[in-house]
Amino acid sequence: MDENYDCKRVFAPTDLSDSLTSEFERIADTLAHALALRGLMDIEVILHENELKVLEIDARLPSQTPTAVYWSTGLNMVRMMDDLFVSGSRMRLNDPIHSKSVIYEHIQVSPNMLKFAGEGIMSQGGPLRIQSDFFGADEAITNYAPNYDEWVATLIVCENDRDAAKEKRNRVISDIQRHFNIEIFRDPSPMGNAKGKQV
């Protein structure tokens, strides 16, 4: 989370224990029944002292989860929802096509500063487009253009395990810093290995 409690980084898959996964499922089922929900629900929780605490409930398709799930498992949640709610076919949860580790995070670049921030920054960047192999990231959603000195990006990094994904992500951040001669970065809860002066 960023300093204002907005989601800035997503890891997939999670490393929740089976008991916490079951607890999360129980929470979702309880909330859905209490709200008499007919449709989708996105539940955001934090894990504090081995206890799940509900932060937010949105009765809509989540904005970040489908992308992280797709890159991690190959399962397309949007297509699955279309099958269920538009086409009327029964939704069948297939086995994951693959199991990869994904880091999905938001950055804001300005002259001499790279800032890790919540997803809200993506609405400040103007028209966005998808770019493959963006400074080494597998994919990015960004408004970057070669003549821009201020831009935003959602970086998507995918590898076989979490350690390899972190190493790749750190190389991406270092490449961006080197390319734009950025010495200062801001990450209130740093993941590690970003170079330069932390503010």
N, C-alpha and C. Protein backbone atom coordinates (compact mmCIF):
# COMPACT_ATOMS: atom_id res chain seq x y z
N MET A 1 0.84 -1.19 0.00
CA MET A 1 0.00 0.00 0.00
C MET A 1 0.88 1.24 0.00
N ASP A 2 0.35 2.32 -0.58
CA ASP A 2 1.09 3.57 -0.51
C ASP A 2 0.81 4.25 0.83
N GLU A 3 1.42 5.43 1.01
CA GLU A 3 1.28 6.11 2.30
C GLU A 3 -0.15 6.57 2.57
N ASN A 4 -0.99 6.61 1.55
CA ASN A 4 -2.39 6.98 1.72
C ASN A 4 -3.32 5.78 1.67
N TYR A 5 -2.77 4.57 1.80
CA TYR A 5 -3.54 3.34 1.87
C TYR A 5 -4.22 2.96 0.57
N ASP A 6 -3.58 3.26 -0.54
CA ASP A 6 -4.07 2.86 -1.85
C ASP A 6 -3.17 1.72 -2.34
N CYS A 7 -3.74 0.75 -3.02
CA CYS A 7 -2.96 -0.39 -3.47
C CYS A 7 -1.93 0.04 -4.50
N LYS A 8 -0.66 -0.26 -4.22
CA LYS A 8 0.40 0.12 -5.15
C LYS A 8 1.14 -1.09 -5.71
N ARG A 9 0.98 -2.26 -5.11
CA ARG A 9 1.76 -3.42 -5.54
C ARG A 9 0.96 -4.69 -5.25
N VAL A 10 0.93 -5.58 -6.22
CA VAL A 10 0.22 -6.85 -6.06
C VAL A 10 1.20 -7.98 -6.34
N PHE A 11 1.21 -8.99 -5.48
CA PHE A 11 1.97 -10.21 -5.72
C PHE A 11 0.98 -11.33 -6.01
N ALA A 12 1.30 -12.17 -6.97
CA ALA A 12 0.49 -13.36 -7.23
C ALA A 12 1.44 -14.49 -7.58
N PRO A 13 1.20 -15.69 -7.09
CA PRO A 13 0.13 -16.02 -6.15
C PRO A 13 0.48 -15.54 -4.75
N THR A 14 -0.54 -15.55 -3.90
CA THR A 14 -0.29 -15.20 -2.50
C THR A 14 0.41 -16.38 -1.83
N ASP A 15 0.95 -16.13 -0.67
CA ASP A 15 1.55 -17.23 0.08
C ASP A 15 0.75 -17.48 1.36
N LEU A 16 -0.59 -17.36 1.24
CA LEU A 16 -1.46 -17.63 2.39
C LEU A 16 -1.48 -19.12 2.69
N SER A 17 -1.55 -19.45 3.96
CA SER A 17 -1.69 -20.85 4.37
C SER A 17 -3.07 -21.36 3.96
N ASP A 18 -3.22 -22.67 3.96
CA ASP A 18 -4.53 -23.26 3.63
C ASP A 18 -5.60 -22.78 4.61
N SER A 19 -5.23 -22.64 5.89
CA SER A 19 -6.24 -22.22 6.88
C SER A 19 -6.67 -20.77 6.63
N LEU A 20 -5.72 -19.88 6.26
CA LEU A 20 -6.10 -18.50 5.96
C LEU A 20 -6.89 -18.41 4.66
N THR A 21 -6.56 -19.24 3.69
CA THR A 21 -7.33 -19.28 2.45
C THR A 21 -8.77 -19.69 2.74
N SER A 22 -8.93 -20.71 3.57
CA SER A 22 -10.29 -21.14 3.96
C SER A 22 -11.02 -20.04 4.71
N GLU A 23 -10.30 -19.33 5.57
CA GLU A 23 -10.91 -18.22 6.31
C GLU A 23 -11.36 -17.11 5.36
N PHE A 24 -10.54 -16.82 4.36
CA PHE A 24 -10.90 -15.80 3.37
C PHE A 24 -12.16 -16.22 2.62
N GLU A 25 -12.23 -17.49 2.24
CA GLU A 25 -13.42 -18.00 1.55
C GLU A 25 -14.65 -17.89 2.45
N ARG A 26 -14.49 -18.18 3.74
CA ARG A 26 -15.61 -18.09 4.69
C ARG A 26 -16.09 -16.64 4.80
N ILE A 27 -15.14 -15.69 4.88
CA ILE A 27 -15.49 -14.27 4.96
C ILE A 27 -16.28 -13.86 3.71
N ALA A 28 -15.79 -14.27 2.53
CA ALA A 28 -16.47 -13.92 1.28
C ALA A 28 -17.89 -14.48 1.25
N ASP A 29 -18.04 -15.72 1.66
CA ASP A 29 -19.35 -16.37 1.65
C ASP A 29 -20.30 -15.67 2.63
N THR A 30 -19.82 -15.35 3.82
CA THR A 30 -20.64 -14.67 4.83
C THR A 30 -21.10 -13.30 4.34
N LEU A 31 -20.18 -12.52 3.76
CA LEU A 31 -20.52 -11.20 3.26
C LEU A 31 -21.50 -11.27 2.10
N ALA A 32 -21.28 -12.19 1.18
CA ALA A 32 -22.17 -12.32 0.03
C ALA A 32 -23.59 -12.66 0.48
N HIS A 33 -23.71 -13.57 1.44
CA HIS A 33 -25.04 -13.92 1.94
C HIS A 33 -25.68 -12.76 2.69
N ALA A 34 -24.90 -12.06 3.51
CA ALA A 34 -25.44 -10.93 4.29
C ALA A 34 -25.92 -9.81 3.39
N LEU A 35 -25.27 -9.63 2.24
CA LEU A 35 -25.65 -8.57 1.30
C LEU A 35 -26.63 -9.04 0.24
N ALA A 36 -26.99 -10.34 0.29
CA ALA A 36 -27.85 -10.94 -0.75
C ALA A 36 -27.30 -10.60 -2.13
N LEU A 37 -26.00 -10.75 -2.28
CA LEU A 37 -25.32 -10.35 -3.50
C LEU A 37 -25.63 -11.29 -4.65
N ARG A 38 -25.93 -10.71 -5.80
CA ARG A 38 -26.15 -11.46 -7.04
C ARG A 38 -25.19 -10.88 -8.08
N GLY A 39 -24.00 -11.37 -8.11
CA GLY A 39 -23.01 -10.84 -9.03
C GLY A 39 -21.63 -10.92 -8.45
N LEU A 40 -20.81 -9.96 -8.81
CA LEU A 40 -19.41 -9.97 -8.41
C LEU A 40 -19.17 -9.17 -7.15
N MET A 41 -18.15 -9.60 -6.41
CA MET A 41 -17.73 -8.86 -5.24
C MET A 41 -16.21 -8.96 -5.14
N ASP A 42 -15.57 -7.84 -4.90
CA ASP A 42 -14.14 -7.77 -4.68
C ASP A 42 -13.94 -7.43 -3.21
N ILE A 43 -13.20 -8.26 -2.49
CA ILE A 43 -12.94 -8.02 -1.07
C ILE A 43 -11.46 -7.76 -0.90
N GLU A 44 -11.13 -6.64 -0.26
CA GLU A 44 -9.74 -6.33 0.04
C GLU A 44 -9.52 -6.56 1.52
N VAL A 45 -8.48 -7.32 1.84
CA VAL A 45 -8.14 -7.60 3.22
C VAL A 45 -6.65 -7.33 3.44
N ILE A 46 -6.30 -7.14 4.70
CA ILE A 46 -4.88 -7.13 5.08
C ILE A 46 -4.69 -8.25 6.08
N LEU A 47 -3.50 -8.75 6.12
CA LEU A 47 -3.14 -9.78 7.09
C LEU A 47 -2.36 -9.10 8.21
N HIS A 48 -2.93 -9.10 9.40
CA HIS A 48 -2.29 -8.45 10.55
C HIS A 48 -2.24 -9.44 11.70
N GLU A 49 -1.03 -9.76 12.15
CA GLU A 49 -0.83 -10.70 13.25
C GLU A 49 -1.59 -12.00 12.99
N ASN A 50 -1.42 -12.51 11.77
CA ASN A 50 -2.00 -13.78 11.31
C ASN A 50 -3.54 -13.79 11.33
N GLU A 51 -4.13 -12.60 11.21
CA GLU A 51 -5.58 -12.48 11.16
C GLU A 51 -5.97 -11.60 9.98
N LEU A 52 -6.95 -12.06 9.19
CA LEU A 52 -7.42 -11.28 8.05
C LEU A 52 -8.38 -10.21 8.51
N LYS A 53 -8.14 -8.99 8.07
CA LYS A 53 -9.01 -7.86 8.41
C LYS A 53 -9.56 -7.28 7.12
N VAL A 54 -10.87 -7.20 7.01
CA VAL A 54 -11.52 -6.68 5.81
C VAL A 54 -11.34 -5.16 5.76
N LEU A 55 -10.84 -4.68 4.62
CA LEU A 55 -10.67 -3.25 4.40
C LEU A 55 -11.80 -2.65 3.59
N GLU A 56 -12.20 -3.38 2.55
CA GLU A 56 -13.13 -2.79 1.59
C GLU A 56 -13.85 -3.90 0.82
N ILE A 57 -15.08 -3.60 0.47
CA ILE A 57 -15.87 -4.49 -0.38
C ILE A 57 -16.36 -3.68 -1.56
N ASP A 58 -16.14 -4.16 -2.76
CA ASP A 58 -16.66 -3.53 -3.97
C ASP A 58 -17.50 -4.55 -4.72
N ALA A 59 -18.73 -4.18 -5.03
CA ALA A 59 -19.59 -5.07 -5.81
C ALA A 59 -19.36 -4.81 -7.30
N ARG A 60 -18.18 -5.18 -7.74
CA ARG A 60 -17.79 -4.97 -9.13
C ARG A 60 -16.59 -5.84 -9.43
N LEU A 61 -16.24 -5.91 -10.71
CA LEU A 61 -15.03 -6.62 -11.10
C LEU A 61 -13.83 -5.82 -10.60
N PRO A 62 -12.90 -6.44 -9.90
CA PRO A 62 -11.74 -5.70 -9.43
C PRO A 62 -10.87 -5.23 -10.59
N SER A 63 -10.12 -4.16 -10.34
CA SER A 63 -9.35 -3.56 -11.44
C SER A 63 -7.99 -4.22 -11.64
N GLN A 64 -7.34 -4.69 -10.58
CA GLN A 64 -5.99 -5.21 -10.70
C GLN A 64 -5.92 -6.72 -10.67
N THR A 65 -6.81 -7.33 -9.92
CA THR A 65 -6.75 -8.78 -9.73
C THR A 65 -6.82 -9.58 -11.04
N PRO A 66 -7.73 -9.26 -11.97
CA PRO A 66 -7.79 -10.08 -13.18
C PRO A 66 -6.47 -10.13 -13.96
N THR A 67 -5.75 -9.02 -14.01
CA THR A 67 -4.48 -9.00 -14.73
C THR A 67 -3.44 -9.84 -14.00
N ALA A 68 -3.34 -9.67 -12.69
CA ALA A 68 -2.38 -10.46 -11.91
C ALA A 68 -2.69 -11.95 -11.99
N VAL A 69 -3.98 -12.31 -11.91
CA VAL A 69 -4.38 -13.71 -12.01
C VAL A 69 -4.05 -14.27 -13.39
N TYR A 70 -4.33 -13.49 -14.44
CA TYR A 70 -4.05 -13.95 -15.80
C TYR A 70 -2.56 -14.24 -15.99
N TRP A 71 -1.70 -13.29 -15.58
CA TRP A 71 -0.26 -13.49 -15.76
C TRP A 71 0.25 -14.63 -14.89
N SER A 72 -0.35 -14.85 -13.72
CA SER A 72 0.11 -15.89 -12.81
C SER A 72 -0.39 -17.28 -13.21
N THR A 73 -1.64 -17.37 -13.67
CA THR A 73 -2.25 -18.68 -13.90
C THR A 73 -2.65 -18.95 -15.35
N GLY A 74 -2.80 -17.89 -16.14
CA GLY A 74 -3.32 -18.06 -17.49
C GLY A 74 -4.84 -18.06 -17.54
N LEU A 75 -5.50 -17.98 -16.37
CA LEU A 75 -6.96 -17.95 -16.33
C LEU A 75 -7.46 -16.53 -16.58
N ASN A 76 -8.40 -16.39 -17.49
CA ASN A 76 -8.94 -15.10 -17.86
C ASN A 76 -10.26 -14.87 -17.12
N MET A 77 -10.21 -14.13 -16.01
CA MET A 77 -11.40 -13.88 -15.19
C MET A 77 -12.47 -13.12 -15.96
N VAL A 78 -12.07 -12.21 -16.83
CA VAL A 78 -13.04 -11.43 -17.60
C VAL A 78 -13.83 -12.35 -18.53
N ARG A 79 -13.12 -13.26 -19.20
CA ARG A 79 -13.81 -14.22 -20.08
C ARG A 79 -14.72 -15.13 -19.26
N MET A 80 -14.26 -15.53 -18.08
CA MET A 80 -15.08 -16.39 -17.22
C MET A 80 -16.36 -15.67 -16.80
N MET A 81 -16.26 -14.38 -16.46
CA MET A 81 -17.43 -13.60 -16.07
C MET A 81 -18.38 -13.41 -17.25
N ASP A 82 -17.82 -13.20 -18.44
CA ASP A 82 -18.65 -13.09 -19.64
C ASP A 82 -19.41 -14.39 -19.87
N ASP A 83 -18.74 -15.51 -19.74
CA ASP A 83 -19.40 -16.81 -19.92
C ASP A 83 -20.56 -16.96 -18.95
N LEU A 84 -20.37 -16.51 -17.73
CA LEU A 84 -21.40 -16.70 -16.69
C LEU A 84 -22.55 -15.70 -16.83
N PHE A 85 -22.23 -14.40 -16.96
CA PHE A 85 -23.25 -13.38 -16.88
C PHE A 85 -23.80 -12.90 -18.21
N VAL A 86 -23.03 -13.01 -19.29
CA VAL A 86 -23.50 -12.55 -20.60
C VAL A 86 -23.99 -13.71 -21.44
N SER A 87 -23.14 -14.71 -21.57
CA SER A 87 -23.50 -15.86 -22.41
C SER A 87 -24.44 -16.81 -21.70
N GLY A 88 -24.46 -16.75 -20.37
CA GLY A 88 -25.37 -17.60 -19.61
C GLY A 88 -24.89 -19.03 -19.45
N SER A 89 -23.67 -19.31 -19.86
CA SER A 89 -23.16 -20.67 -19.70
C SER A 89 -22.64 -20.86 -18.28
N ARG A 90 -22.62 -22.08 -17.86
CA ARG A 90 -22.13 -22.37 -16.52
C ARG A 90 -20.63 -22.12 -16.46
N MET A 91 -20.22 -21.43 -15.42
CA MET A 91 -18.80 -21.15 -15.25
C MET A 91 -18.10 -22.38 -14.71
N ARG A 92 -17.03 -22.76 -15.40
CA ARG A 92 -16.23 -23.90 -14.97
C ARG A 92 -14.83 -23.40 -14.67
N LEU A 93 -14.36 -23.61 -13.46
CA LEU A 93 -13.02 -23.17 -13.12
C LEU A 93 -12.05 -24.25 -13.56
N ASN A 94 -11.34 -23.96 -14.63
CA ASN A 94 -10.35 -24.90 -15.14
C ASN A 94 -9.10 -24.85 -14.28
N ASP A 95 -8.29 -25.88 -14.41
CA ASP A 95 -6.99 -25.85 -13.74
C ASP A 95 -6.16 -24.74 -14.35
N PRO A 96 -5.30 -24.12 -13.55
CA PRO A 96 -4.42 -23.09 -14.11
C PRO A 96 -3.61 -23.64 -15.27
N ILE A 97 -3.41 -22.80 -16.29
CA ILE A 97 -2.62 -23.19 -17.44
C ILE A 97 -1.15 -23.28 -17.04
N HIS A 98 -0.74 -22.39 -16.16
CA HIS A 98 0.63 -22.39 -15.63
C HIS A 98 0.60 -21.73 -14.26
N SER A 99 1.70 -21.82 -13.57
CA SER A 99 1.80 -21.17 -12.26
C SER A 99 3.08 -20.35 -12.23
N LYS A 100 2.92 -19.04 -12.30
CA LYS A 100 4.04 -18.11 -12.33
C LYS A 100 3.91 -17.13 -11.18
N SER A 101 5.02 -16.52 -10.82
CA SER A 101 5.01 -15.44 -9.84
C SER A 101 4.96 -14.11 -10.56
N VAL A 102 4.07 -13.24 -10.11
CA VAL A 102 3.85 -11.96 -10.76
C VAL A 102 3.99 -10.83 -9.75
N ILE A 103 4.63 -9.75 -10.18
CA ILE A 103 4.64 -8.50 -9.42
C ILE A 103 4.01 -7.45 -10.32
N TYR A 104 2.98 -6.80 -9.82
CA TYR A 104 2.19 -5.82 -10.56
C TYR A 104 2.22 -4.56 -9.72
N GLU A 105 2.86 -3.49 -10.20
CA GLU A 105 2.99 -2.29 -9.37
C GLU A 105 2.94 -1.02 -10.21
N HIS A 106 2.67 0.09 -9.52
CA HIS A 106 2.49 1.39 -10.16
C HIS A 106 3.65 2.32 -9.83
N ILE A 107 4.16 2.99 -10.87
CA ILE A 107 5.22 3.97 -10.64
C ILE A 107 4.85 5.29 -11.30
N GLN A 108 5.42 6.35 -10.76
CA GLN A 108 5.27 7.69 -11.31
C GLN A 108 6.68 8.27 -11.47
N VAL A 109 7.01 8.69 -12.68
CA VAL A 109 8.33 9.22 -12.97
C VAL A 109 8.22 10.70 -13.29
N SER A 110 9.10 11.48 -12.65
CA SER A 110 9.23 12.90 -12.94
C SER A 110 10.72 13.20 -12.95
N PRO A 111 11.12 14.38 -13.37
CA PRO A 111 12.56 14.65 -13.42
C PRO A 111 13.25 14.33 -12.09
N ASN A 112 14.20 13.41 -12.16
CA ASN A 112 15.04 12.99 -11.04
C ASN A 112 14.29 12.31 -9.89
N MET A 113 13.06 11.82 -10.12
CA MET A 113 12.31 11.14 -9.06
C MET A 113 11.52 9.98 -9.64
N LEU A 114 11.63 8.82 -9.00
CA LEU A 114 10.79 7.67 -9.30
C LEU A 114 10.03 7.36 -8.03
N LYS A 115 8.71 7.35 -8.13
CA LYS A 115 7.86 7.17 -6.95
C LYS A 115 6.96 5.96 -7.17
N PHE A 116 6.90 5.08 -6.17
CA PHE A 116 5.96 3.96 -6.18
C PHE A 116 4.69 4.48 -5.52
N ALA A 117 3.57 4.36 -6.19
CA ALA A 117 2.35 4.99 -5.69
C ALA A 117 1.14 4.09 -5.91
N GLY A 118 0.03 4.51 -5.35
CA GLY A 118 -1.21 3.76 -5.48
C GLY A 118 -1.78 3.86 -6.89
N GLU A 119 -2.74 2.99 -7.16
CA GLU A 119 -3.31 2.89 -8.51
C GLU A 119 -3.96 4.19 -8.98
N GLY A 120 -4.29 5.10 -8.06
CA GLY A 120 -4.92 6.36 -8.43
C GLY A 120 -4.07 7.21 -9.36
N ILE A 121 -2.74 7.04 -9.32
CA ILE A 121 -1.88 7.84 -10.21
C ILE A 121 -2.12 7.54 -11.68
N MET A 122 -2.65 6.36 -11.96
CA MET A 122 -2.84 5.97 -13.36
C MET A 122 -3.90 6.83 -14.05
N SER A 123 -4.79 7.42 -13.28
CA SER A 123 -5.82 8.29 -13.87
C SER A 123 -5.28 9.68 -14.17
N GLN A 124 -4.08 9.99 -13.70
CA GLN A 124 -3.50 11.32 -13.91
C GLN A 124 -2.62 11.39 -15.15
N GLY A 125 -2.43 10.27 -15.81
CA GLY A 125 -1.43 10.22 -16.86
C GLY A 125 -1.90 10.47 -18.26
N GLY A 126 -3.18 10.70 -18.49
CA GLY A 126 -3.65 10.87 -19.86
C GLY A 126 -3.84 9.52 -20.53
N PRO A 127 -3.95 9.49 -21.86
CA PRO A 127 -4.22 8.23 -22.57
C PRO A 127 -3.14 7.18 -22.28
N LEU A 128 -3.59 5.99 -21.96
CA LEU A 128 -2.68 4.90 -21.64
C LEU A 128 -2.69 3.87 -22.77
N ARG A 129 -1.59 3.15 -22.87
CA ARG A 129 -1.51 2.06 -23.85
C ARG A 129 -0.71 0.92 -23.23
N ILE A 130 -0.84 -0.25 -23.81
CA ILE A 130 -0.11 -1.42 -23.34
C ILE A 130 1.18 -1.55 -24.15
N GLN A 131 2.29 -1.77 -23.45
CA GLN A 131 3.58 -1.97 -24.11
C GLN A 131 4.22 -3.24 -23.59
N SER A 132 4.68 -4.08 -24.49
CA SER A 132 5.43 -5.28 -24.10
C SER A 132 6.89 -4.92 -23.92
N ASP A 133 7.59 -5.70 -23.11
CA ASP A 133 9.03 -5.55 -22.87
C ASP A 133 9.39 -4.09 -22.59
N PHE A 134 8.75 -3.54 -21.58
CA PHE A 134 8.93 -2.13 -21.21
C PHE A 134 10.07 -2.02 -20.21
N PHE A 135 11.24 -1.60 -20.63
CA PHE A 135 12.44 -1.53 -19.81
C PHE A 135 12.71 -2.86 -19.10
N GLY A 136 12.33 -3.96 -19.75
CA GLY A 136 12.53 -5.29 -19.19
C GLY A 136 11.32 -5.88 -18.51
N ALA A 137 10.30 -5.08 -18.21
CA ALA A 137 9.05 -5.62 -17.66
C ALA A 137 8.33 -6.37 -18.78
N ASP A 138 7.65 -7.44 -18.41
CA ASP A 138 6.95 -8.23 -19.43
C ASP A 138 5.90 -7.39 -20.14
N GLU A 139 5.23 -6.54 -19.38
CA GLU A 139 4.21 -5.68 -19.97
C GLU A 139 4.04 -4.46 -19.08
N ALA A 140 3.61 -3.37 -19.68
CA ALA A 140 3.32 -2.16 -18.92
C ALA A 140 2.08 -1.50 -19.50
N ILE A 141 1.35 -0.84 -18.63
CA ILE A 141 0.26 0.04 -19.03
C ILE A 141 0.78 1.44 -18.73
N THR A 142 0.94 2.26 -19.74
CA THR A 142 1.67 3.51 -19.53
C THR A 142 1.26 4.59 -20.52
N ASN A 143 1.57 5.82 -20.14
CA ASN A 143 1.42 6.95 -21.06
C ASN A 143 2.80 7.43 -21.54
N TYR A 144 3.84 6.66 -21.25
CA TYR A 144 5.21 7.05 -21.60
C TYR A 144 5.36 7.25 -23.11
N ALA A 145 6.10 8.29 -23.45
CA ALA A 145 6.56 8.54 -24.82
C ALA A 145 7.98 9.07 -24.71
N PRO A 146 8.82 8.86 -25.72
CA PRO A 146 10.23 9.24 -25.62
C PRO A 146 10.50 10.69 -25.23
N ASN A 147 9.61 11.61 -25.55
CA ASN A 147 9.86 13.01 -25.22
C ASN A 147 9.26 13.43 -23.88
N TYR A 148 8.65 12.48 -23.14
CA TYR A 148 8.02 12.82 -21.86
C TYR A 148 9.06 12.76 -20.74
N ASP A 149 9.04 13.75 -19.86
CA ASP A 149 9.88 13.65 -18.66
C ASP A 149 9.03 13.37 -17.42
N GLU A 150 7.70 13.34 -17.59
CA GLU A 150 6.79 12.92 -16.52
C GLU A 150 5.81 11.92 -17.10
N TRP A 151 5.72 10.77 -16.46
CA TRP A 151 4.83 9.72 -16.96
C TRP A 151 4.53 8.72 -15.84
N VAL A 152 3.55 7.88 -16.08
CA VAL A 152 3.15 6.84 -15.12
C VAL A 152 3.17 5.49 -15.82
N ALA A 153 3.26 4.45 -15.02
CA ALA A 153 3.21 3.10 -15.60
C ALA A 153 2.77 2.10 -14.55
N THR A 154 2.04 1.11 -15.00
CA THR A 154 1.81 -0.10 -14.23
C THR A 154 2.76 -1.12 -14.82
N LEU A 155 3.68 -1.62 -14.01
CA LEU A 155 4.67 -2.58 -14.47
C LEU A 155 4.21 -3.99 -14.10
N ILE A 156 4.32 -4.92 -15.05
CA ILE A 156 3.96 -6.31 -14.82
C ILE A 156 5.19 -7.16 -15.10
N VAL A 157 5.65 -7.84 -14.06
CA VAL A 157 6.83 -8.69 -14.16
C VAL A 157 6.43 -10.11 -13.79
N CYS A 158 6.86 -11.06 -14.59
CA CYS A 158 6.46 -12.46 -14.41
C CYS A 158 7.69 -13.37 -14.48
N GLU A 159 7.80 -14.28 -13.53
CA GLU A 159 8.89 -15.26 -13.51
C GLU A 159 8.40 -16.56 -12.89
N ASN A 160 9.27 -17.57 -12.85
CA ASN A 160 8.87 -18.88 -12.35
C ASN A 160 8.67 -18.92 -10.85
N ASP A 161 9.36 -18.08 -10.09
CA ASP A 161 9.16 -18.04 -8.64
C ASP A 161 9.30 -16.61 -8.15
N ARG A 162 8.92 -16.37 -6.90
CA ARG A 162 8.88 -15.01 -6.38
C ARG A 162 10.26 -14.37 -6.31
N ASP A 163 11.28 -15.13 -5.92
CA ASP A 163 12.62 -14.55 -5.85
C ASP A 163 13.10 -14.10 -7.22
N ALA A 164 12.86 -14.92 -8.24
CA ALA A 164 13.25 -14.55 -9.61
C ALA A 164 12.45 -13.34 -10.08
N ALA A 165 11.16 -13.27 -9.70
CA ALA A 165 10.34 -12.12 -10.08
C ALA A 165 10.86 -10.84 -9.42
N LYS A 166 11.26 -10.93 -8.15
CA LYS A 166 11.81 -9.76 -7.46
C LYS A 166 13.11 -9.30 -8.10
N GLU A 167 13.97 -10.25 -8.46
CA GLU A 167 15.23 -9.89 -9.11
C GLU A 167 14.97 -9.19 -10.45
N LYS A 168 14.04 -9.73 -11.22
CA LYS A 168 13.71 -9.13 -12.52
C LYS A 168 13.11 -7.74 -12.32
N ARG A 169 12.22 -7.61 -11.37
CA ARG A 169 11.60 -6.32 -11.06
C ARG A 169 12.66 -5.29 -10.66
N ASN A 170 13.61 -5.70 -9.85
CA ASN A 170 14.68 -4.79 -9.43
C ASN A 170 15.53 -4.34 -10.62
N ARG A 171 15.76 -5.25 -11.58
CA ARG A 171 16.50 -4.87 -12.80
C ARG A 171 15.71 -3.85 -13.61
N VAL A 172 14.39 -4.03 -13.70
CA VAL A 172 13.54 -3.09 -14.43
C VAL A 172 13.64 -1.70 -13.81
N ILE A 173 13.50 -1.63 -12.49
CA ILE A 173 13.57 -0.34 -11.80
C ILE A 173 14.95 0.29 -12.00
N SER A 174 16.01 -0.51 -11.87
CA SER A 174 17.37 0.01 -12.08
C SER A 174 17.55 0.52 -13.50
N ASP A 175 17.01 -0.20 -14.49
CA ASP A 175 17.12 0.23 -15.89
C ASP A 175 16.41 1.56 -16.12
N ILE A 176 15.25 1.73 -15.51
CA ILE A 176 14.51 2.99 -15.65
C ILE A 176 15.31 4.12 -14.99
N GLN A 177 15.82 3.86 -13.80
CA GLN A 177 16.61 4.89 -13.10
C GLN A 177 17.85 5.28 -13.92
N ARG A 178 18.52 4.28 -14.47
CA ARG A 178 19.73 4.55 -15.25
C ARG A 178 19.39 5.31 -16.54
N HIS A 179 18.35 4.88 -17.23
CA HIS A 179 17.95 5.49 -18.50
C HIS A 179 17.59 6.97 -18.33
N PHE A 180 16.90 7.29 -17.23
CA PHE A 180 16.42 8.66 -17.01
C PHE A 180 17.29 9.43 -16.00
N ASN A 181 18.42 8.82 -15.63
CA ASN A 181 19.35 9.46 -14.70
C ASN A 181 18.64 9.89 -13.41
N ILE A 182 17.89 8.96 -12.83
CA ILE A 182 17.11 9.22 -11.62
C ILE A 182 17.89 8.75 -10.41
N GLU A 183 18.14 9.66 -9.49
CA GLU A 183 18.86 9.32 -8.28
C GLU A 183 17.94 9.16 -7.07
N ILE A 184 16.79 9.78 -7.10
CA ILE A 184 15.89 9.79 -5.94
C ILE A 184 14.69 8.90 -6.23
N PHE A 185 14.38 8.03 -5.28
CA PHE A 185 13.16 7.23 -5.39
C PHE A 185 12.39 7.35 -4.09
N ARG A 186 11.10 7.11 -4.19
CA ARG A 186 10.24 7.20 -3.01
C ARG A 186 9.37 5.96 -2.96
N ASP A 187 9.55 5.19 -1.89
CA ASP A 187 8.75 3.99 -1.67
C ASP A 187 8.61 3.83 -0.16
N PRO A 188 7.48 4.26 0.41
CA PRO A 188 7.32 4.21 1.87
C PRO A 188 7.50 2.81 2.47
N SER A 189 7.30 1.77 1.66
CA SER A 189 7.53 0.42 2.13
C SER A 189 8.36 -0.30 1.06
N PRO A 190 9.67 0.00 1.02
CA PRO A 190 10.48 -0.47 -0.11
C PRO A 190 10.59 -1.98 -0.18
N MET A 191 10.61 -2.46 -1.43
CA MET A 191 10.79 -3.88 -1.68
C MET A 191 12.26 -4.25 -1.70
N GLY A 192 13.11 -3.26 -1.88
CA GLY A 192 14.54 -3.56 -1.89
C GLY A 192 15.17 -3.36 -3.24
N ASN A 193 16.44 -3.02 -3.21
CA ASN A 193 17.32 -2.94 -4.37
C ASN A 193 17.07 -1.78 -5.31
N ALA A 194 16.16 -0.85 -4.99
CA ALA A 194 16.10 0.36 -5.80
C ALA A 194 17.32 1.19 -5.41
N LYS A 195 18.01 1.71 -6.40
CA LYS A 195 19.26 2.44 -6.14
C LYS A 195 18.98 3.92 -6.05
N GLY A 196 19.81 4.61 -5.29
CA GLY A 196 19.69 6.05 -5.19
C GLY A 196 19.29 6.48 -3.80
N LYS A 197 18.93 7.72 -3.68
CA LYS A 197 18.60 8.29 -2.38
C LYS A 197 17.11 8.15 -2.12
N GLN A 198 16.77 7.48 -1.04
CA GLN A 198 15.37 7.30 -0.65
C GLN A 198 14.89 8.56 0.06
N VAL A 199 13.70 9.05 -0.32
CA VAL A 199 13.12 10.19 0.37
C VAL A 199 11.77 9.81 0.93
